[in-house]
């Protein structure tokens, strides 16, 4: 397979989406985050056997219910693809007007949002991706636009490689947004 320039020479600290087979869920999954290791992936469509990303979730139970959970060492073995997340919109969007920029466009971020479904008993979820519009106040953001990767088609058959696409999503129900910065001092097992 030739190297796709869009997914070539991905460096530590870049925003990525990682496609992998989950034995726990018996389906193809994709997680967005920041590449932590290895230092470089020469071809994201033929990645190494083991990678680590920084990825956020929300605690759904316990004493920290509703709080963000930073996984500095989200380890994925045998990824199918590691996809670089670009900064271009996938559709026509006008960024909200803000006064002062705390988080500039292009940063890898986590967006904490309000949700109302059984899968999220805390009423909150986290979306990881690349920021498309600058954010003024991260504690009271207006609509937050990010690029992130999604899977579609048959995701239940491990013998069939899933299809993926980049989507630009505006989250109006955002309660908090934070830039993802690697902790270079923390070593992963």
N, C-alpha and C. Protein backbone atom coordinates (compact mmCIF):
# COMPACT_ATOMS: atom_id res chain seq x y z
N UNK A 1 0.85 -1.18 0.00
CA UNK A 1 0.00 0.00 0.00
C UNK A 1 0.89 1.24 0.00
N UNK A 2 0.61 2.17 -0.89
CA UNK A 2 1.38 3.42 -0.95
C UNK A 2 1.04 4.27 0.26
N UNK A 3 1.97 5.14 0.61
CA UNK A 3 1.75 6.02 1.74
C UNK A 3 0.83 7.16 1.31
N UNK A 4 -0.28 7.35 2.03
CA UNK A 4 -1.19 8.46 1.81
C UNK A 4 -0.58 9.66 2.54
N UNK A 5 -0.26 10.72 1.79
CA UNK A 5 0.43 11.87 2.38
C UNK A 5 -0.35 12.48 3.55
N UNK A 6 -1.68 12.37 3.53
CA UNK A 6 -2.49 12.92 4.62
C UNK A 6 -2.21 12.21 5.94
N UNK A 7 -1.74 10.97 5.87
CA UNK A 7 -1.51 10.18 7.08
C UNK A 7 -0.06 9.70 7.18
N UNK A 8 0.87 10.44 6.55
CA UNK A 8 2.29 10.08 6.58
C UNK A 8 3.04 10.92 7.60
N UNK A 9 4.05 10.31 8.20
CA UNK A 9 4.93 11.01 9.14
C UNK A 9 4.17 11.73 10.25
N UNK A 10 3.29 11.00 10.91
CA UNK A 10 2.53 11.55 12.03
C UNK A 10 3.46 11.60 13.24
N UNK A 11 3.53 12.75 13.87
CA UNK A 11 4.47 12.97 14.97
C UNK A 11 3.76 12.97 16.33
N UNK A 12 4.53 12.64 17.36
CA UNK A 12 4.04 12.72 18.75
C UNK A 12 3.46 14.12 18.98
N UNK A 13 2.30 14.17 19.63
CA UNK A 13 1.65 15.45 19.92
C UNK A 13 0.59 15.86 18.91
N UNK A 14 0.48 15.12 17.78
CA UNK A 14 -0.53 15.46 16.78
C UNK A 14 -1.88 14.84 17.14
N UNK A 15 -2.95 15.48 16.66
CA UNK A 15 -4.31 14.95 16.83
C UNK A 15 -4.50 13.79 15.86
N UNK A 16 -5.02 12.68 16.38
CA UNK A 16 -5.23 11.49 15.55
C UNK A 16 -6.55 10.81 15.91
N UNK A 17 -7.01 9.97 14.99
CA UNK A 17 -8.08 9.02 15.24
C UNK A 17 -7.49 7.64 15.02
N UNK A 18 -7.76 6.72 15.93
CA UNK A 18 -7.18 5.38 15.84
C UNK A 18 -8.31 4.36 15.65
N UNK A 19 -8.23 3.60 14.57
CA UNK A 19 -9.21 2.55 14.27
C UNK A 19 -8.63 1.22 14.73
N UNK A 20 -9.43 0.46 15.50
CA UNK A 20 -8.96 -0.83 16.00
C UNK A 20 -10.15 -1.75 16.27
N UNK A 21 -9.86 -3.06 16.34
CA UNK A 21 -10.89 -4.04 16.67
C UNK A 21 -10.94 -4.20 18.18
N UNK A 22 -12.13 -4.02 18.76
CA UNK A 22 -12.32 -4.18 20.20
C UNK A 22 -12.87 -5.56 20.48
N UNK A 23 -12.09 -6.38 21.16
CA UNK A 23 -12.59 -7.71 21.53
C UNK A 23 -13.67 -7.59 22.61
N UNK A 24 -13.60 -6.57 23.45
CA UNK A 24 -14.60 -6.39 24.51
C UNK A 24 -15.97 -6.08 23.92
N UNK A 25 -16.02 -5.24 22.88
CA UNK A 25 -17.30 -4.85 22.28
C UNK A 25 -17.62 -5.65 21.02
N UNK A 26 -16.66 -6.45 20.54
CA UNK A 26 -16.82 -7.24 19.32
C UNK A 26 -17.26 -6.37 18.14
N UNK A 27 -16.50 -5.27 17.97
CA UNK A 27 -16.75 -4.37 16.85
C UNK A 27 -15.52 -3.50 16.61
N UNK A 28 -15.48 -2.91 15.41
CA UNK A 28 -14.46 -1.92 15.12
C UNK A 28 -14.79 -0.67 15.90
N UNK A 29 -13.78 -0.03 16.48
CA UNK A 29 -13.96 1.20 17.25
C UNK A 29 -13.00 2.25 16.71
N UNK A 30 -13.26 3.50 17.04
CA UNK A 30 -12.32 4.58 16.73
C UNK A 30 -12.24 5.49 17.94
N UNK A 31 -11.03 5.86 18.31
CA UNK A 31 -10.83 6.80 19.41
C UNK A 31 -9.96 7.94 18.91
N UNK A 32 -10.42 9.16 19.20
CA UNK A 32 -9.65 10.36 18.87
C UNK A 32 -8.82 10.74 20.08
N UNK A 33 -7.67 11.34 19.83
CA UNK A 33 -6.80 11.79 20.91
C UNK A 33 -5.53 12.38 20.37
N UNK A 34 -4.50 12.38 21.20
CA UNK A 34 -3.19 12.92 20.85
C UNK A 34 -2.17 11.78 20.88
N UNK A 35 -1.40 11.66 19.81
CA UNK A 35 -0.39 10.60 19.75
C UNK A 35 0.69 10.85 20.80
N UNK A 36 0.92 9.83 21.63
CA UNK A 36 1.98 9.90 22.65
C UNK A 36 3.18 9.05 22.26
N UNK A 37 2.94 7.85 21.76
CA UNK A 37 4.04 7.02 21.28
C UNK A 37 3.50 6.09 20.19
N UNK A 38 4.35 5.78 19.22
CA UNK A 38 5.76 6.10 19.09
C UNK A 38 5.96 7.58 18.73
N UNK A 39 7.23 7.99 18.61
CA UNK A 39 7.55 9.38 18.30
C UNK A 39 7.09 9.77 16.90
N UNK A 40 7.11 8.81 15.96
CA UNK A 40 6.70 9.06 14.58
C UNK A 40 6.06 7.80 14.01
N UNK A 41 4.99 7.99 13.24
CA UNK A 41 4.39 6.90 12.48
C UNK A 41 4.55 7.27 11.01
N UNK A 42 5.36 6.51 10.28
CA UNK A 42 5.66 6.87 8.90
C UNK A 42 4.46 6.70 7.98
N UNK A 43 3.61 5.70 8.24
CA UNK A 43 2.44 5.46 7.40
C UNK A 43 1.27 5.08 8.30
N UNK A 44 0.34 6.01 8.50
CA UNK A 44 -0.80 5.78 9.38
C UNK A 44 -1.75 4.69 8.88
N UNK A 45 -1.66 4.36 7.60
CA UNK A 45 -2.51 3.30 7.06
C UNK A 45 -1.86 1.93 7.22
N UNK A 46 -0.62 1.90 7.70
CA UNK A 46 0.08 0.67 8.06
C UNK A 46 0.84 0.95 9.36
N UNK A 47 0.11 1.17 10.45
CA UNK A 47 0.76 1.60 11.70
C UNK A 47 1.52 0.47 12.39
N UNK A 48 2.35 0.84 13.39
CA UNK A 48 3.05 -0.18 14.17
C UNK A 48 2.06 -1.00 14.99
N UNK A 49 2.52 -2.08 15.58
CA UNK A 49 1.66 -3.02 16.32
C UNK A 49 1.14 -2.46 17.64
N UNK A 50 1.72 -1.37 18.11
CA UNK A 50 1.33 -0.84 19.41
C UNK A 50 1.49 0.68 19.40
N UNK A 51 0.45 1.39 19.84
CA UNK A 51 0.53 2.84 19.95
C UNK A 51 -0.13 3.28 21.26
N UNK A 52 0.18 4.50 21.67
CA UNK A 52 -0.42 5.09 22.86
C UNK A 52 -0.90 6.49 22.52
N UNK A 53 -2.13 6.81 22.95
CA UNK A 53 -2.66 8.16 22.77
C UNK A 53 -3.12 8.71 24.12
N UNK A 54 -3.28 10.02 24.17
CA UNK A 54 -3.93 10.68 25.30
C UNK A 54 -5.39 10.82 24.91
N UNK A 55 -6.29 10.38 25.77
CA UNK A 55 -7.72 10.33 25.45
C UNK A 55 -8.52 10.65 26.70
N UNK A 56 -9.55 11.46 26.56
CA UNK A 56 -10.42 11.82 27.69
C UNK A 56 -11.76 11.10 27.61
N UNK A 57 -12.28 10.74 28.77
CA UNK A 57 -13.64 10.22 28.93
C UNK A 57 -14.26 10.96 30.11
N UNK A 58 -15.50 10.61 30.45
CA UNK A 58 -16.16 11.16 31.64
C UNK A 58 -16.52 10.00 32.56
N UNK A 59 -16.23 10.17 33.85
CA UNK A 59 -16.64 9.16 34.84
C UNK A 59 -18.16 9.09 34.84
N UNK A 60 -18.70 7.87 34.69
CA UNK A 60 -20.15 7.70 34.64
C UNK A 60 -20.74 7.23 35.97
N UNK A 61 -19.89 6.95 36.96
CA UNK A 61 -20.39 6.52 38.28
C UNK A 61 -19.34 6.83 39.33
N UNK A 62 -19.69 6.57 40.58
CA UNK A 62 -18.73 6.74 41.68
C UNK A 62 -18.61 8.18 42.14
N UNK A 63 -17.64 8.41 43.01
CA UNK A 63 -17.49 9.73 43.62
C UNK A 63 -17.07 10.80 42.61
N UNK A 64 -16.48 10.40 41.48
CA UNK A 64 -16.07 11.36 40.46
C UNK A 64 -17.05 11.45 39.29
N UNK A 65 -18.28 10.98 39.50
CA UNK A 65 -19.29 10.96 38.45
C UNK A 65 -19.43 12.34 37.81
N UNK A 66 -19.33 12.37 36.48
CA UNK A 66 -19.46 13.61 35.73
C UNK A 66 -18.15 14.34 35.51
N UNK A 67 -17.07 13.92 36.18
CA UNK A 67 -15.77 14.58 36.02
C UNK A 67 -15.03 14.00 34.81
N UNK A 68 -14.19 14.84 34.21
CA UNK A 68 -13.34 14.37 33.12
C UNK A 68 -12.29 13.40 33.64
N UNK A 69 -11.98 12.40 32.86
CA UNK A 69 -10.95 11.42 33.18
C UNK A 69 -9.91 11.45 32.06
N UNK A 70 -8.70 11.89 32.39
CA UNK A 70 -7.62 11.94 31.41
C UNK A 70 -6.85 10.63 31.44
N UNK A 71 -6.85 9.92 30.32
CA UNK A 71 -6.06 8.71 30.20
C UNK A 71 -4.79 9.07 29.43
N UNK A 72 -3.72 9.31 30.17
CA UNK A 72 -2.45 9.71 29.59
C UNK A 72 -1.82 8.59 28.77
N UNK A 73 -2.19 7.35 29.07
CA UNK A 73 -1.57 6.19 28.44
C UNK A 73 -2.63 5.24 27.90
N UNK A 74 -3.48 5.72 26.99
CA UNK A 74 -4.50 4.88 26.37
C UNK A 74 -3.80 4.03 25.32
N UNK A 75 -3.56 2.78 25.67
CA UNK A 75 -2.75 1.88 24.86
C UNK A 75 -3.64 1.07 23.91
N UNK A 76 -3.26 1.02 22.64
CA UNK A 76 -4.00 0.27 21.63
C UNK A 76 -3.02 -0.66 20.92
N UNK A 77 -3.34 -1.96 20.95
CA UNK A 77 -2.51 -2.92 20.23
C UNK A 77 -3.18 -3.27 18.91
N UNK A 78 -2.37 -3.53 17.92
CA UNK A 78 -2.82 -3.90 16.57
C UNK A 78 -3.83 -2.91 15.97
N UNK A 79 -3.51 -1.61 15.97
CA UNK A 79 -4.43 -0.68 15.32
C UNK A 79 -4.48 -0.94 13.82
N UNK A 80 -5.65 -0.74 13.25
CA UNK A 80 -5.79 -0.90 11.80
C UNK A 80 -5.27 0.35 11.09
N UNK A 81 -5.68 1.53 11.59
CA UNK A 81 -5.25 2.81 11.00
C UNK A 81 -4.98 3.81 12.12
N UNK A 82 -4.05 4.72 11.86
CA UNK A 82 -3.86 5.93 12.68
C UNK A 82 -4.02 7.09 11.71
N UNK A 83 -5.08 7.88 11.90
CA UNK A 83 -5.47 8.92 10.95
C UNK A 83 -5.17 10.31 11.52
N UNK A 84 -4.43 11.11 10.79
CA UNK A 84 -4.16 12.50 11.21
C UNK A 84 -5.45 13.30 11.08
N UNK A 85 -5.75 14.09 12.10
CA UNK A 85 -6.96 14.91 12.10
C UNK A 85 -6.62 16.30 11.57
N UNK A 86 -7.17 16.69 10.40
CA UNK A 86 -6.86 17.99 9.82
C UNK A 86 -7.65 19.14 10.46
N UNK A 87 -7.31 20.37 10.06
CA UNK A 87 -7.96 21.56 10.61
C UNK A 87 -9.01 22.16 9.69
N UNK A 88 -9.24 21.56 8.53
CA UNK A 88 -10.22 22.10 7.58
C UNK A 88 -11.62 21.60 7.90
N UNK A 89 -12.61 22.48 7.76
CA UNK A 89 -14.00 22.08 7.94
C UNK A 89 -14.42 21.11 6.85
N UNK A 90 -15.34 20.20 7.21
CA UNK A 90 -15.90 19.29 6.21
C UNK A 90 -17.20 19.84 5.64
N UNK A 91 -17.63 20.99 6.13
CA UNK A 91 -18.83 21.66 5.61
C UNK A 91 -18.69 23.15 5.88
N UNK A 92 -19.58 23.95 5.28
CA UNK A 92 -19.51 25.40 5.46
C UNK A 92 -19.99 25.77 6.87
N UNK A 93 -19.15 26.48 7.60
CA UNK A 93 -19.46 26.86 8.98
C UNK A 93 -18.97 28.29 9.22
N UNK A 94 -19.73 29.03 10.00
CA UNK A 94 -19.28 30.34 10.46
C UNK A 94 -18.95 30.21 11.94
N UNK A 95 -17.73 30.56 12.30
CA UNK A 95 -17.33 30.46 13.71
C UNK A 95 -18.05 31.51 14.53
N UNK A 96 -18.44 31.16 15.78
CA UNK A 96 -19.09 32.15 16.65
C UNK A 96 -18.13 33.30 16.97
N UNK A 97 -18.69 34.49 17.16
CA UNK A 97 -17.87 35.64 17.54
C UNK A 97 -17.50 35.51 19.01
N UNK A 98 -16.23 35.77 19.32
CA UNK A 98 -15.76 35.71 20.70
C UNK A 98 -14.92 36.94 20.98
N UNK A 99 -14.76 37.25 22.25
CA UNK A 99 -13.85 38.34 22.62
C UNK A 99 -12.68 37.71 23.37
N UNK A 100 -11.50 37.82 22.79
CA UNK A 100 -10.32 37.21 23.39
C UNK A 100 -10.26 35.72 23.10
N UNK A 101 -9.08 35.22 22.83
CA UNK A 101 -8.90 33.80 22.52
C UNK A 101 -8.07 33.14 23.60
N UNK A 102 -8.65 32.16 24.27
CA UNK A 102 -7.93 31.37 25.26
C UNK A 102 -7.36 30.10 24.64
N UNK A 103 -8.13 29.50 23.70
CA UNK A 103 -7.66 28.30 23.00
C UNK A 103 -7.78 28.57 21.50
N UNK A 104 -6.64 28.62 20.79
CA UNK A 104 -6.69 28.94 19.36
C UNK A 104 -7.14 27.76 18.50
N UNK A 105 -7.63 28.11 17.32
CA UNK A 105 -8.00 27.12 16.30
C UNK A 105 -6.81 26.19 16.04
N UNK A 106 -7.09 24.91 15.81
CA UNK A 106 -6.06 23.95 15.45
C UNK A 106 -5.54 23.12 16.60
N UNK A 107 -5.85 23.50 17.84
CA UNK A 107 -5.40 22.73 19.01
C UNK A 107 -6.19 21.43 19.12
N UNK A 108 -5.55 20.40 19.66
CA UNK A 108 -6.25 19.17 20.02
C UNK A 108 -6.96 19.47 21.34
N UNK A 109 -8.25 19.11 21.41
CA UNK A 109 -9.04 19.46 22.60
C UNK A 109 -9.93 18.31 23.04
N UNK A 110 -10.43 18.45 24.27
CA UNK A 110 -11.54 17.64 24.75
C UNK A 110 -12.68 18.60 25.01
N UNK A 111 -13.88 18.21 24.58
CA UNK A 111 -15.08 19.00 24.78
C UNK A 111 -16.01 18.20 25.68
N UNK A 112 -16.34 18.77 26.84
CA UNK A 112 -17.28 18.11 27.76
C UNK A 112 -18.67 18.64 27.44
N UNK A 113 -19.60 17.70 27.17
CA UNK A 113 -20.93 18.09 26.74
C UNK A 113 -22.01 17.48 27.62
N UNK A 114 -23.19 18.13 27.62
CA UNK A 114 -24.37 17.58 28.29
C UNK A 114 -25.03 16.59 27.35
N UNK A 115 -25.43 15.44 27.89
CA UNK A 115 -26.16 14.43 27.12
C UNK A 115 -27.31 13.89 27.97
N UNK A 116 -28.27 13.29 27.30
CA UNK A 116 -29.41 12.72 28.02
C UNK A 116 -29.71 11.36 27.41
N UNK A 117 -28.95 10.34 27.85
CA UNK A 117 -29.19 8.98 27.37
C UNK A 117 -28.73 7.98 28.42
N UNK A 118 -29.15 6.74 28.26
CA UNK A 118 -28.85 5.70 29.25
C UNK A 118 -27.38 5.32 29.29
N UNK A 119 -26.66 5.54 28.18
CA UNK A 119 -25.24 5.18 28.13
C UNK A 119 -24.38 6.13 28.97
N UNK A 120 -24.94 7.27 29.36
CA UNK A 120 -24.19 8.29 30.10
C UNK A 120 -24.98 8.72 31.33
N UNK A 121 -25.00 7.88 32.39
CA UNK A 121 -25.79 8.21 33.58
C UNK A 121 -25.35 9.50 34.29
N UNK A 122 -24.14 9.97 34.01
CA UNK A 122 -23.69 11.23 34.62
C UNK A 122 -24.30 12.44 33.94
N UNK A 123 -24.89 12.23 32.75
CA UNK A 123 -25.43 13.35 31.99
C UNK A 123 -24.36 14.12 31.23
N UNK A 124 -23.15 13.58 31.18
CA UNK A 124 -22.02 14.23 30.51
C UNK A 124 -21.27 13.21 29.64
N UNK A 125 -20.64 13.70 28.59
CA UNK A 125 -19.78 12.89 27.74
C UNK A 125 -18.60 13.76 27.32
N UNK A 126 -17.55 13.14 26.82
CA UNK A 126 -16.37 13.85 26.34
C UNK A 126 -16.14 13.53 24.87
N UNK A 127 -15.83 14.55 24.09
CA UNK A 127 -15.50 14.40 22.68
C UNK A 127 -14.10 14.94 22.47
N UNK A 128 -13.22 14.11 21.91
CA UNK A 128 -11.85 14.49 21.62
C UNK A 128 -11.74 14.82 20.14
N UNK A 129 -10.96 15.85 19.79
CA UNK A 129 -10.79 16.21 18.38
C UNK A 129 -9.93 17.43 18.21
N UNK A 130 -9.94 17.98 16.98
CA UNK A 130 -9.16 19.17 16.66
C UNK A 130 -10.09 20.37 16.58
N UNK A 131 -9.75 21.43 17.30
CA UNK A 131 -10.57 22.64 17.38
C UNK A 131 -10.58 23.38 16.05
N UNK A 132 -11.79 23.73 15.59
CA UNK A 132 -11.94 24.40 14.30
C UNK A 132 -12.19 25.90 14.43
N UNK A 133 -12.69 26.35 15.57
CA UNK A 133 -12.92 27.77 15.82
C UNK A 133 -12.28 28.10 17.17
N UNK A 134 -11.68 29.28 17.32
CA UNK A 134 -11.07 29.62 18.61
C UNK A 134 -12.12 29.69 19.71
N UNK A 135 -11.67 29.46 20.95
CA UNK A 135 -12.55 29.49 22.11
C UNK A 135 -12.11 30.65 23.01
N UNK A 136 -13.08 31.44 23.46
CA UNK A 136 -12.80 32.53 24.39
C UNK A 136 -12.70 32.02 25.81
N UNK A 137 -13.85 31.84 26.46
CA UNK A 137 -13.89 31.35 27.84
C UNK A 137 -14.12 29.85 27.82
N UNK A 138 -13.11 29.03 28.19
CA UNK A 138 -13.28 27.58 28.14
C UNK A 138 -14.31 27.05 29.15
N UNK A 139 -14.66 27.85 30.16
CA UNK A 139 -15.66 27.44 31.15
C UNK A 139 -17.08 27.81 30.74
N UNK A 140 -17.23 28.72 29.78
CA UNK A 140 -18.55 29.11 29.28
C UNK A 140 -18.48 29.29 27.77
N UNK A 141 -18.11 28.22 27.06
CA UNK A 141 -17.96 28.37 25.61
C UNK A 141 -19.30 28.47 24.91
N UNK A 142 -19.28 29.13 23.74
CA UNK A 142 -20.45 29.08 22.87
C UNK A 142 -20.35 27.76 22.13
N UNK A 143 -20.89 27.68 20.95
CA UNK A 143 -20.77 26.44 20.18
C UNK A 143 -19.29 26.14 19.92
N UNK A 144 -18.89 24.90 20.21
CA UNK A 144 -17.50 24.48 20.01
C UNK A 144 -17.46 23.52 18.82
N UNK A 145 -16.70 23.90 17.80
CA UNK A 145 -16.57 23.08 16.59
C UNK A 145 -15.27 22.30 16.61
N UNK A 146 -15.38 20.98 16.39
CA UNK A 146 -14.18 20.14 16.29
C UNK A 146 -14.29 19.21 15.08
N UNK A 147 -13.14 18.80 14.60
CA UNK A 147 -13.06 17.70 13.64
C UNK A 147 -12.75 16.44 14.42
N UNK A 148 -13.42 15.35 14.07
CA UNK A 148 -13.13 14.05 14.66
C UNK A 148 -13.53 12.98 13.65
N UNK A 149 -13.05 11.77 13.89
CA UNK A 149 -13.26 10.66 12.97
C UNK A 149 -14.42 9.79 13.43
N UNK A 150 -15.20 9.28 12.46
CA UNK A 150 -16.29 8.35 12.76
C UNK A 150 -16.20 7.15 11.82
N UNK A 151 -16.74 6.04 12.27
CA UNK A 151 -16.83 4.83 11.45
C UNK A 151 -18.26 4.69 10.95
N UNK A 152 -18.42 4.04 9.81
CA UNK A 152 -19.77 3.75 9.30
C UNK A 152 -19.71 2.46 8.50
N UNK A 153 -20.86 1.95 8.16
CA UNK A 153 -20.92 0.68 7.44
C UNK A 153 -20.88 -0.48 8.43
N UNK A 154 -20.39 -1.62 7.97
CA UNK A 154 -20.35 -2.84 8.79
C UNK A 154 -19.18 -2.76 9.77
N UNK A 155 -19.49 -2.53 11.04
CA UNK A 155 -18.42 -2.45 12.05
C UNK A 155 -18.38 -3.71 12.92
N UNK A 156 -19.26 -4.67 12.67
CA UNK A 156 -19.36 -5.87 13.50
C UNK A 156 -18.57 -7.07 12.96
N UNK A 157 -18.04 -6.96 11.75
CA UNK A 157 -17.33 -8.08 11.14
C UNK A 157 -15.82 -7.80 11.16
N UNK A 158 -15.05 -8.57 11.95
CA UNK A 158 -13.62 -8.32 12.02
C UNK A 158 -12.87 -8.59 10.72
N UNK A 159 -13.50 -9.33 9.81
CA UNK A 159 -12.86 -9.66 8.54
C UNK A 159 -13.04 -8.56 7.49
N UNK A 160 -13.92 -7.59 7.77
CA UNK A 160 -14.19 -6.50 6.83
C UNK A 160 -13.66 -5.20 7.42
N UNK A 161 -12.73 -4.57 6.70
CA UNK A 161 -12.18 -3.31 7.19
C UNK A 161 -13.27 -2.23 7.17
N UNK A 162 -13.40 -1.49 8.27
CA UNK A 162 -14.48 -0.49 8.33
C UNK A 162 -14.16 0.74 7.49
N UNK A 163 -15.22 1.45 7.13
CA UNK A 163 -15.07 2.72 6.43
C UNK A 163 -15.02 3.82 7.48
N UNK A 164 -14.31 4.88 7.17
CA UNK A 164 -14.19 5.99 8.11
C UNK A 164 -14.34 7.30 7.35
N UNK A 165 -14.69 8.34 8.09
CA UNK A 165 -14.74 9.67 7.50
C UNK A 165 -14.51 10.72 8.59
N UNK A 166 -14.03 11.85 8.17
CA UNK A 166 -13.83 12.98 9.05
C UNK A 166 -15.12 13.79 9.08
N UNK A 167 -15.55 14.20 10.28
CA UNK A 167 -16.73 15.05 10.39
C UNK A 167 -16.40 16.28 11.22
N UNK A 168 -17.04 17.38 10.85
CA UNK A 168 -16.96 18.61 11.63
C UNK A 168 -18.26 18.72 12.41
N UNK A 169 -18.15 18.77 13.75
CA UNK A 169 -19.34 18.80 14.60
C UNK A 169 -19.29 20.02 15.50
N UNK A 170 -20.43 20.73 15.56
CA UNK A 170 -20.57 21.86 16.47
C UNK A 170 -21.36 21.44 17.69
N UNK A 171 -20.76 21.55 18.87
CA UNK A 171 -21.43 21.16 20.11
C UNK A 171 -21.94 22.40 20.82
N UNK A 172 -23.29 22.58 20.80
CA UNK A 172 -23.94 23.72 21.47
C UNK A 172 -24.13 23.45 22.95
N UNK A 173 -24.09 22.18 23.33
CA UNK A 173 -24.35 21.77 24.71
C UNK A 173 -23.05 21.61 25.50
N UNK A 174 -22.03 22.39 25.14
CA UNK A 174 -20.71 22.28 25.77
C UNK A 174 -20.72 22.95 27.14
N UNK A 175 -20.12 22.25 28.12
CA UNK A 175 -19.97 22.84 29.45
C UNK A 175 -18.53 23.22 29.74
N UNK A 176 -17.58 22.68 28.97
CA UNK A 176 -16.16 22.94 29.23
C UNK A 176 -15.35 22.47 28.03
N UNK A 177 -14.27 23.16 27.75
CA UNK A 177 -13.35 22.73 26.69
C UNK A 177 -11.92 22.95 27.19
N UNK A 178 -11.04 22.01 26.85
CA UNK A 178 -9.66 22.06 27.33
C UNK A 178 -8.72 21.57 26.24
N UNK A 179 -7.58 22.26 26.10
CA UNK A 179 -6.55 21.81 25.15
C UNK A 179 -5.86 20.58 25.71
N UNK A 180 -5.59 19.61 24.82
CA UNK A 180 -4.88 18.39 25.21
C UNK A 180 -3.39 18.62 25.06
N UNK A 181 -2.70 18.64 26.16
CA UNK A 181 -1.25 18.81 26.13
C UNK A 181 -0.59 17.59 26.74
N UNK A 182 0.37 17.00 26.03
CA UNK A 182 1.02 15.81 26.57
C UNK A 182 1.83 16.11 27.83
N UNK A 183 1.81 15.16 28.76
CA UNK A 183 2.67 15.23 29.94
C UNK A 183 3.89 14.39 29.61
N UNK A 184 4.92 15.06 29.15
CA UNK A 184 6.11 14.34 28.68
C UNK A 184 6.88 13.68 29.81
N UNK A 185 6.60 14.05 31.06
CA UNK A 185 7.29 13.44 32.19
C UNK A 185 6.69 12.09 32.56
N UNK A 186 5.40 11.91 32.25
CA UNK A 186 4.75 10.64 32.60
C UNK A 186 5.11 9.58 31.59
N UNK A 187 5.68 8.51 32.07
CA UNK A 187 6.05 7.37 31.22
C UNK A 187 4.90 6.37 31.21
N UNK A 188 4.67 5.79 30.08
CA UNK A 188 3.63 4.78 29.96
C UNK A 188 4.25 3.39 30.03
N UNK A 189 3.52 2.44 30.62
CA UNK A 189 4.06 1.07 30.72
C UNK A 189 4.21 0.43 29.35
